[in-house]
């Protein structure tokens, strides 16, 4: 891959500020291969400007800020990284 083909990482606006205008992608990376696949899909969707990723662990921990992001999101997309 040449330098011209490399893409710079996308720097995203703070999700708290942009939540009501974005699809928020909640990804559980899990410790299994399906979790890592889910995480890769979340990154892909973010890079395609289909939404932006946010932290599921913070929601599970009861973070008011992250619960507020979920409430204000245009749409919540959840990708479960746990084996059935």
PDB file of N, CA and C in Angstrom:
ATOM      1  N   UNK A   1       0.848  -1.170   0.000  1.00  0.00           N
ATOM      2  CA  UNK A   1       0.000   0.000   0.000  1.00  0.00           C
ATOM      3  C   UNK A   1       0.896   1.235   0.000  1.00  0.00           C
ATOM      4  N   UNK A   2       0.658   2.127  -0.930  1.00  0.00           N
ATOM      5  CA  UNK A   2       1.451   3.352  -1.000  1.00  0.00           C
ATOM      6  C   UNK A   2       0.904   4.376  -0.015  1.00  0.00           C
ATOM      7  N   UNK A   3       1.682   5.419   0.213  1.00  0.00           N
ATOM      8  CA  UNK A   3       1.233   6.487   1.112  1.00  0.00           C
ATOM      9  C   UNK A   3      -0.046   7.142   0.609  1.00  0.00           C
ATOM     10  N   UNK A   4      -0.212   7.205  -0.709  1.00  0.00           N
ATOM     11  CA  UNK A   4      -1.408   7.827  -1.286  1.00  0.00           C
ATOM     12  C   UNK A   4      -2.665   7.018  -0.996  1.00  0.00           C
ATOM     13  N   UNK A   5      -2.520   5.683  -0.853  1.00  0.00           N
ATOM     14  CA  UNK A   5      -3.668   4.821  -0.619  1.00  0.00           C
ATOM     15  C   UNK A   5      -4.058   4.740   0.851  1.00  0.00           C
ATOM     16  N   UNK A   6      -3.144   5.100   1.742  1.00  0.00           N
ATOM     17  CA  UNK A   6      -3.433   5.029   3.169  1.00  0.00           C
ATOM     18  C   UNK A   6      -4.428   6.110   3.548  1.00  0.00           C
ATOM     19  N   UNK A   7      -5.384   5.734   4.359  1.00  0.00           N
ATOM     20  CA  UNK A   7      -6.361   6.709   4.845  1.00  0.00           C
ATOM     21  C   UNK A   7      -5.987   7.103   6.253  1.00  0.00           C
ATOM     22  N   UNK A   8      -6.100   8.358   6.536  1.00  0.00           N
ATOM     23  CA  UNK A   8      -5.864   8.854   7.887  1.00  0.00           C
ATOM     24  C   UNK A   8      -7.055   8.464   8.755  1.00  0.00           C
ATOM     25  N   UNK A   9      -6.827   8.231  10.046  1.00  0.00           N
ATOM     26  CA  UNK A   9      -7.963   7.919  10.920  1.00  0.00           C
ATOM     27  C   UNK A   9      -8.930   9.093  10.971  1.00  0.00           C
ATOM     28  N   UNK A  10     -10.185   8.757  11.069  1.00  0.00           N
ATOM     29  CA  UNK A  10     -11.222   9.777  11.108  1.00  0.00           C
ATOM     30  C   UNK A  10     -11.339  10.327  12.523  1.00  0.00           C
ATOM     31  N   UNK A  11     -11.202  11.619  12.674  1.00  0.00           N
ATOM     32  CA  UNK A  11     -11.361  12.268  13.969  1.00  0.00           C
ATOM     33  C   UNK A  11     -12.818  12.708  14.071  1.00  0.00           C
ATOM     34  N   UNK A  12     -13.512  12.182  15.052  1.00  0.00           N
ATOM     35  CA  UNK A  12     -14.938  12.445  15.186  1.00  0.00           C
ATOM     36  C   UNK A  12     -15.220  13.480  16.259  1.00  0.00           C
ATOM     37  N   UNK A  13     -16.272  14.232  16.035  1.00  0.00           N
ATOM     38  CA  UNK A  13     -16.758  15.170  17.037  1.00  0.00           C
ATOM     39  C   UNK A  13     -17.215  14.377  18.259  1.00  0.00           C
ATOM     40  N   UNK A  14     -17.113  14.986  19.413  1.00  0.00           N
ATOM     41  CA  UNK A  14     -17.573  14.351  20.649  1.00  0.00           C
ATOM     42  C   UNK A  14     -19.005  13.861  20.460  1.00  0.00           C
ATOM     43  N   UNK A  15     -19.237  12.554  20.699  1.00  0.00           N
ATOM     44  CA  UNK A  15     -20.564  11.982  20.432  1.00  0.00           C
ATOM     45  C   UNK A  15     -21.648  12.635  21.279  1.00  0.00           C
ATOM     46  N   UNK A  16     -21.279  13.162  22.427  1.00  0.00           N
ATOM     47  CA  UNK A  16     -22.281  13.813  23.263  1.00  0.00           C
ATOM     48  C   UNK A  16     -22.836  15.059  22.571  1.00  0.00           C
ATOM     49  N   UNK A  17     -21.972  15.767  21.848  1.00  0.00           N
ATOM     50  CA  UNK A  17     -22.393  16.993  21.168  1.00  0.00           C
ATOM     51  C   UNK A  17     -23.211  16.717  19.914  1.00  0.00           C
ATOM     52  N   UNK A  18     -22.967  15.573  19.278  1.00  0.00           N
ATOM     53  CA  UNK A  18     -23.590  15.328  17.981  1.00  0.00           C
ATOM     54  C   UNK A  18     -24.648  14.227  17.989  1.00  0.00           C
ATOM     55  N   UNK A  19     -24.999  13.722  19.154  1.00  0.00           N
ATOM     56  CA  UNK A  19     -25.855  12.532  19.244  1.00  0.00           C
ATOM     57  C   UNK A  19     -27.180  12.678  18.524  1.00  0.00           C
ATOM     58  N   UNK A  20     -27.842  13.808  18.650  1.00  0.00           N
ATOM     59  CA  UNK A  20     -29.173  13.909  18.043  1.00  0.00           C
ATOM     60  C   UNK A  20     -29.124  14.001  16.520  1.00  0.00           C
ATOM     61  N   UNK A  21     -27.942  14.159  15.976  1.00  0.00           N
ATOM     62  CA  UNK A  21     -27.795  14.243  14.523  1.00  0.00           C
ATOM     63  C   UNK A  21     -27.189  12.982  13.932  1.00  0.00           C
ATOM     64  N   UNK A  22     -26.888  11.999  14.766  1.00  0.00           N
ATOM     65  CA  UNK A  22     -26.143  10.828  14.314  1.00  0.00           C
ATOM     66  C   UNK A  22     -26.867   9.530  14.645  1.00  0.00           C
ATOM     67  N   UNK A  23     -26.582   8.525  13.840  1.00  0.00           N
ATOM     68  CA  UNK A  23     -26.883   7.160  14.229  1.00  0.00           C
ATOM     69  C   UNK A  23     -25.746   6.763  15.162  1.00  0.00           C
ATOM     70  N   UNK A  24     -26.058   6.260  16.322  1.00  0.00           N
ATOM     71  CA  UNK A  24     -25.022   5.847  17.261  1.00  0.00           C
ATOM     72  C   UNK A  24     -24.901   4.329  17.200  1.00  0.00           C
ATOM     73  N   UNK A  25     -23.683   3.855  17.000  1.00  0.00           N
ATOM     74  CA  UNK A  25     -23.406   2.435  16.848  1.00  0.00           C
ATOM     75  C   UNK A  25     -22.803   1.932  18.148  1.00  0.00           C
ATOM     76  N   UNK A  26     -23.524   1.037  18.799  1.00  0.00           N
ATOM     77  CA  UNK A  26     -23.086   0.450  20.069  1.00  0.00           C
ATOM     78  C   UNK A  26     -22.575  -0.946  19.761  1.00  0.00           C
ATOM     79  N   UNK A  27     -21.296  -1.174  20.013  1.00  0.00           N
ATOM     80  CA  UNK A  27     -20.674  -2.442  19.675  1.00  0.00           C
ATOM     81  C   UNK A  27     -20.111  -3.096  20.924  1.00  0.00           C
ATOM     82  N   UNK A  28     -20.496  -4.358  21.133  1.00  0.00           N
ATOM     83  CA  UNK A  28     -19.885  -5.159  22.187  1.00  0.00           C
ATOM     84  C   UNK A  28     -18.774  -5.963  21.528  1.00  0.00           C
ATOM     85  N   UNK A  29     -17.529  -5.585  21.787  1.00  0.00           N
ATOM     86  CA  UNK A  29     -16.404  -6.263  21.150  1.00  0.00           C
ATOM     87  C   UNK A  29     -16.284  -7.707  21.603  1.00  0.00           C
ATOM     88  N   UNK A  30     -16.655  -7.992  22.835  1.00  0.00           N
ATOM     89  CA  UNK A  30     -16.558  -9.356  23.338  1.00  0.00           C
ATOM     90  C   UNK A  30     -15.132  -9.877  23.274  1.00  0.00           C
ATOM     91  N   UNK A  31     -14.930 -11.051  23.783  1.00  0.00           N
ATOM     92  CA  UNK A  31     -13.603 -11.663  23.756  1.00  0.00           C
ATOM     93  C   UNK A  31     -13.528 -12.740  22.682  1.00  0.00           C
ATOM     94  N   UNK A  32     -14.626 -12.968  22.002  1.00  0.00           N
ATOM     95  CA  UNK A  32     -14.685 -14.016  20.984  1.00  0.00           C
ATOM     96  C   UNK A  32     -14.482 -13.407  19.599  1.00  0.00           C
ATOM     97  N   UNK A  33     -14.258 -14.257  18.617  1.00  0.00           N
ATOM     98  CA  UNK A  33     -14.055 -13.777  17.253  1.00  0.00           C
ATOM     99  C   UNK A  33     -15.282 -13.021  16.728  1.00  0.00           C
ATOM    100  N   UNK A  34     -16.487 -13.416  17.140  1.00  0.00           N
ATOM    101  CA  UNK A  34     -17.684 -12.699  16.682  1.00  0.00           C
ATOM    102  C   UNK A  34     -17.713 -11.273  17.233  1.00  0.00           C
ATOM    103  N   UNK A  35     -17.172 -11.063  18.413  1.00  0.00           N
ATOM    104  CA  UNK A  35     -17.073  -9.718  18.968  1.00  0.00           C
ATOM    105  C   UNK A  35     -16.126  -8.863  18.162  1.00  0.00           C
ATOM    106  N   UNK A  36     -15.029  -9.437  17.742  1.00  0.00           N
ATOM    107  CA  UNK A  36     -14.059  -8.689  16.943  1.00  0.00           C
ATOM    108  C   UNK A  36     -14.614  -8.387  15.555  1.00  0.00           C
ATOM    109  N   UNK A  37     -15.416  -9.291  15.023  1.00  0.00           N
ATOM    110  CA  UNK A  37     -16.075  -9.031  13.745  1.00  0.00           C
ATOM    111  C   UNK A  37     -17.078  -7.888  13.899  1.00  0.00           C
ATOM    112  N   UNK A  38     -17.851  -7.916  14.984  1.00  0.00           N
ATOM    113  CA  UNK A  38     -18.808  -6.834  15.253  1.00  0.00           C
ATOM    114  C   UNK A  38     -18.114  -5.493  15.387  1.00  0.00           C
ATOM    115  N   UNK A  39     -16.970  -5.483  16.051  1.00  0.00           N
ATOM    116  CA  UNK A  39     -16.209  -4.246  16.216  1.00  0.00           C
ATOM    117  C   UNK A  39     -15.727  -3.741  14.857  1.00  0.00           C
ATOM    118  N   UNK A  40     -15.270  -4.644  13.998  1.00  0.00           N
ATOM    119  CA  UNK A  40     -14.810  -4.251  12.665  1.00  0.00           C
ATOM    120  C   UNK A  40     -15.962  -3.667  11.842  1.00  0.00           C
ATOM    121  N   UNK A  41     -17.165  -4.231  11.994  1.00  0.00           N
ATOM    122  CA  UNK A  41     -18.335  -3.698  11.292  1.00  0.00           C
ATOM    123  C   UNK A  41     -18.664  -2.291  11.810  1.00  0.00           C
ATOM    124  N   UNK A  42     -18.574  -2.103  13.122  1.00  0.00           N
ATOM    125  CA  UNK A  42     -18.819  -0.776  13.694  1.00  0.00           C
ATOM    126  C   UNK A  42     -17.843   0.259  13.173  1.00  0.00           C
ATOM    127  N   UNK A  43     -16.579  -0.106  13.074  1.00  0.00           N
ATOM    128  CA  UNK A  43     -15.561   0.802  12.531  1.00  0.00           C
ATOM    129  C   UNK A  43     -15.860   1.104  11.064  1.00  0.00           C
ATOM    130  N   UNK A  44     -16.218   0.072  10.306  1.00  0.00           N
ATOM    131  CA  UNK A  44     -16.544   0.260   8.896  1.00  0.00           C
ATOM    132  C   UNK A  44     -17.726   1.213   8.723  1.00  0.00           C
ATOM    133  N   UNK A  45     -18.791   0.995   9.482  1.00  0.00           N
ATOM    134  CA  UNK A  45     -19.961   1.879   9.394  1.00  0.00           C
ATOM    135  C   UNK A  45     -19.606   3.309   9.768  1.00  0.00           C
ATOM    136  N   UNK A  46     -18.746   3.472  10.768  1.00  0.00           N
ATOM    137  CA  UNK A  46     -18.315   4.811  11.159  1.00  0.00           C
ATOM    138  C   UNK A  46     -17.517   5.455  10.035  1.00  0.00           C
ATOM    139  N   UNK A  47     -16.592   4.717   9.442  1.00  0.00           N
ATOM    140  CA  UNK A  47     -15.773   5.259   8.350  1.00  0.00           C
ATOM    141  C   UNK A  47     -16.583   5.558   7.098  1.00  0.00           C
ATOM    142  N   UNK A  48     -17.719   4.877   6.933  1.00  0.00           N
ATOM    143  CA  UNK A  48     -18.620   5.145   5.800  1.00  0.00           C
ATOM    144  C   UNK A  48     -19.615   6.261   6.109  1.00  0.00           C
ATOM    145  N   UNK A  49     -19.448   6.910   7.253  1.00  0.00           N
ATOM    146  CA  UNK A  49     -20.348   7.991   7.699  1.00  0.00           C
ATOM    147  C   UNK A  49     -21.791   7.538   7.868  1.00  0.00           C
ATOM    148  N   UNK A  50     -21.979   6.288   8.257  1.00  0.00           N
ATOM    149  CA  UNK A  50     -23.318   5.770   8.530  1.00  0.00           C
ATOM    150  C   UNK A  50     -23.706   5.985   9.988  1.00  0.00           C
ATOM    151  N   UNK A  51     -22.776   6.391  10.793  1.00  0.00           N
ATOM    152  CA  UNK A  51     -23.003   6.621  12.217  1.00  0.00           C
ATOM    153  C   UNK A  51     -21.677   6.776  12.908  1.00  0.00           C
ATOM    154  N   UNK A  52     -21.698   6.694  14.225  1.00  0.00           N
ATOM    155  CA  UNK A  52     -20.449   6.761  14.978  1.00  0.00           C
ATOM    156  C   UNK A  52     -20.540   5.839  16.171  1.00  0.00           C
ATOM    157  N   UNK A  53     -19.420   5.240  16.509  1.00  0.00           N
ATOM    158  CA  UNK A  53     -19.392   4.268  17.597  1.00  0.00           C
ATOM    159  C   UNK A  53     -19.412   4.958  18.951  1.00  0.00           C
ATOM    160  N   UNK A  54     -19.971   4.245  19.921  1.00  0.00           N
ATOM    161  CA  UNK A  54     -19.975   4.722  21.293  1.00  0.00           C
ATOM    162  C   UNK A  54     -19.813   3.502  22.204  1.00  0.00           C
ATOM    163  N   UNK A  55     -19.512   3.759  23.456  1.00  0.00           N
ATOM    164  CA  UNK A  55     -19.091   2.718  24.390  1.00  0.00           C
ATOM    165  C   UNK A  55     -20.268   2.029  25.093  1.00  0.00           C
ATOM    166  N   UNK A  56     -20.424   0.716  24.856  1.00  0.00           N
ATOM    167  CA  UNK A  56     -21.486  -0.041  25.519  1.00  0.00           C
ATOM    168  C   UNK A  56     -21.182  -0.278  26.993  1.00  0.00           C
ATOM    169  N   UNK A  57     -19.912  -0.391  27.331  1.00  0.00           N
ATOM    170  CA  UNK A  57     -19.540  -0.636  28.733  1.00  0.00           C
ATOM    171  C   UNK A  57     -19.981   0.532  29.610  1.00  0.00           C
ATOM    172  N   UNK A  58     -19.863   1.736  29.096  1.00  0.00           N
ATOM    173  CA  UNK A  58     -20.300   2.907  29.865  1.00  0.00           C
ATOM    174  C   UNK A  58     -21.798   2.866  30.128  1.00  0.00           C
ATOM    175  N   UNK A  59     -22.575   2.382  29.158  1.00  0.00           N
ATOM    176  CA  UNK A  59     -24.024   2.236  29.349  1.00  0.00           C
ATOM    177  C   UNK A  59     -24.297   1.194  30.422  1.00  0.00           C
ATOM    178  N   UNK A  60     -23.598   0.063  30.331  1.00  0.00           N
ATOM    179  CA  UNK A  60     -23.783  -1.007  31.319  1.00  0.00           C
ATOM    180  C   UNK A  60     -23.409  -0.540  32.721  1.00  0.00           C
ATOM    181  N   UNK A  61     -22.457   0.377  32.798  1.00  0.00           N
ATOM    182  CA  UNK A  61     -22.033   0.911  34.093  1.00  0.00           C
ATOM    183  C   UNK A  61     -22.975   2.004  34.598  1.00  0.00           C
ATOM    184  N   UNK A  62     -23.962   2.367  33.780  1.00  0.00           N
ATOM    185  CA  UNK A  62     -24.947   3.361  34.195  1.00  0.00           C
ATOM    186  C   UNK A  62     -24.497   4.799  34.024  1.00  0.00           C
ATOM    187  N   UNK A  63     -23.525   5.050  33.134  1.00  0.00           N
ATOM    188  CA  UNK A  63     -23.043   6.414  32.895  1.00  0.00           C
ATOM    189  C   UNK A  63     -24.181   7.283  32.373  1.00  0.00           C
ATOM    190  N   UNK A  64     -24.547   8.300  33.143  1.00  0.00           N
ATOM    191  CA  UNK A  64     -25.644   9.184  32.742  1.00  0.00           C
ATOM    192  C   UNK A  64     -25.361   9.822  31.384  1.00  0.00           C
ATOM    193  N   UNK A  65     -24.131  10.230  31.172  1.00  0.00           N
ATOM    194  CA  UNK A  65     -23.769  10.869  29.902  1.00  0.00           C
ATOM    195  C   UNK A  65     -24.035   9.926  28.718  1.00  0.00           C
ATOM    196  N   UNK A  66     -23.678   8.650  28.858  1.00  0.00           N
ATOM    197  CA  UNK A  66     -23.868   7.711  27.757  1.00  0.00           C
ATOM    198  C   UNK A  66     -25.337   7.302  27.598  1.00  0.00           C
ATOM    199  N   UNK A  67     -26.051   7.198  28.692  1.00  0.00           N
ATOM    200  CA  UNK A  67     -27.489   6.930  28.600  1.00  0.00           C
ATOM    201  C   UNK A  67     -28.192   8.083  27.896  1.00  0.00           C
ATOM    202  N   UNK A  68     -27.733   9.310  28.151  1.00  0.00           N
ATOM    203  CA  UNK A  68     -28.287  10.487  27.493  1.00  0.00           C
ATOM    204  C   UNK A  68     -27.975  10.461  25.993  1.00  0.00           C
ATOM    205  N   UNK A  69     -26.767  10.027  25.634  1.00  0.00           N
ATOM    206  CA  UNK A  69     -26.416   9.906  24.216  1.00  0.00           C
ATOM    207  C   UNK A  69     -27.387   8.951  23.531  1.00  0.00           C
ATOM    208  N   UNK A  70     -27.677   7.817  24.161  1.00  0.00           N
ATOM    209  CA  UNK A  70     -28.599   6.837  23.587  1.00  0.00           C
ATOM    210  C   UNK A  70     -29.994   7.430  23.413  1.00  0.00           C
ATOM    211  N   UNK A  71     -30.436   8.212  24.381  1.00  0.00           N
ATOM    212  CA  UNK A  71     -31.765   8.830  24.289  1.00  0.00           C
ATOM    213  C   UNK A  71     -31.822   9.886  23.200  1.00  0.00           C
ATOM    214  N   UNK A  72     -30.726  10.603  22.973  1.00  0.00           N
ATOM    215  CA  UNK A  72     -30.710  11.704  22.019  1.00  0.00           C
ATOM    216  C   UNK A  72     -30.338  11.274  20.606  1.00  0.00           C
ATOM    217  N   UNK A  73     -29.883  10.039  20.437  1.00  0.00           N
ATOM    218  CA  UNK A  73     -29.419   9.581  19.124  1.00  0.00           C
ATOM    219  C   UNK A  73     -30.538   9.622  18.095  1.00  0.00           C
ATOM    220  N   UNK A  74     -30.160   9.898  16.879  1.00  0.00           N
ATOM    221  CA  UNK A  74     -31.105   9.832  15.771  1.00  0.00           C
ATOM    222  C   UNK A  74     -31.640   8.400  15.678  1.00  0.00           C
ATOM    223  N   UNK A  75     -30.727   7.427  15.770  1.00  0.00           N
ATOM    224  CA  UNK A  75     -31.076   6.006  15.752  1.00  0.00           C
ATOM    225  C   UNK A  75     -29.973   5.267  16.498  1.00  0.00           C
ATOM    226  N   UNK A  76     -30.332   4.248  17.265  1.00  0.00           N
ATOM    227  CA  UNK A  76     -29.361   3.411  17.954  1.00  0.00           C
ATOM    228  C   UNK A  76     -29.210   2.104  17.185  1.00  0.00           C
ATOM    229  N   UNK A  77     -27.983   1.785  16.819  1.00  0.00           N
ATOM    230  CA  UNK A  77     -27.666   0.534  16.129  1.00  0.00           C
ATOM    231  C   UNK A  77     -26.806  -0.279  17.082  1.00  0.00           C
ATOM    232  N   UNK A  78     -27.273  -1.462  17.462  1.00  0.00           N
ATOM    233  CA  UNK A  78     -26.556  -2.291  18.424  1.00  0.00           C
ATOM    234  C   UNK A  78     -26.044  -3.543  17.727  1.00  0.00           C
ATOM    235  N   UNK A  79     -24.736  -3.782  17.859  1.00  0.00           N
ATOM    236  CA  UNK A  79     -24.122  -4.976  17.301  1.00  0.00           C
ATOM    237  C   UNK A  79     -23.603  -5.805  18.464  1.00  0.00           C
ATOM    238  N   UNK A  80     -24.217  -6.946  18.654  1.00  0.00           N
ATOM    239  CA  UNK A  80     -23.881  -7.821  19.784  1.00  0.00           C
ATOM    240  C   UNK A  80     -22.684  -8.687  19.421  1.00  0.00           C
ATOM    241  N   UNK A  81     -21.643  -8.650  20.232  1.00  0.00           N
ATOM    242  CA  UNK A  81     -20.450  -9.433  19.977  1.00  0.00           C
ATOM    243  C   UNK A  81     -20.361 -10.692  20.805  1.00  0.00           C
ATOM    244  N   UNK A  82     -21.495 -11.217  21.227  1.00  0.00           N
ATOM    245  CA  UNK A  82     -21.499 -12.413  22.068  1.00  0.00           C
ATOM    246  C   UNK A  82     -22.024 -13.580  21.245  1.00  0.00           C
ATOM    247  N   UNK A  83     -21.418 -14.713  21.437  1.00  0.00           N
ATOM    248  CA  UNK A  83     -21.892 -15.915  20.730  1.00  0.00           C
ATOM    249  C   UNK A  83     -23.269 -16.312  21.259  1.00  0.00           C
ATOM    250  N   UNK A  84     -24.126 -16.774  20.353  1.00  0.00           N
ATOM    251  CA  UNK A  84     -25.463 -17.201  20.784  1.00  0.00           C
ATOM    252  C   UNK A  84     -25.405 -18.466  21.619  1.00  0.00           C
TER     253      UNK A  84
END
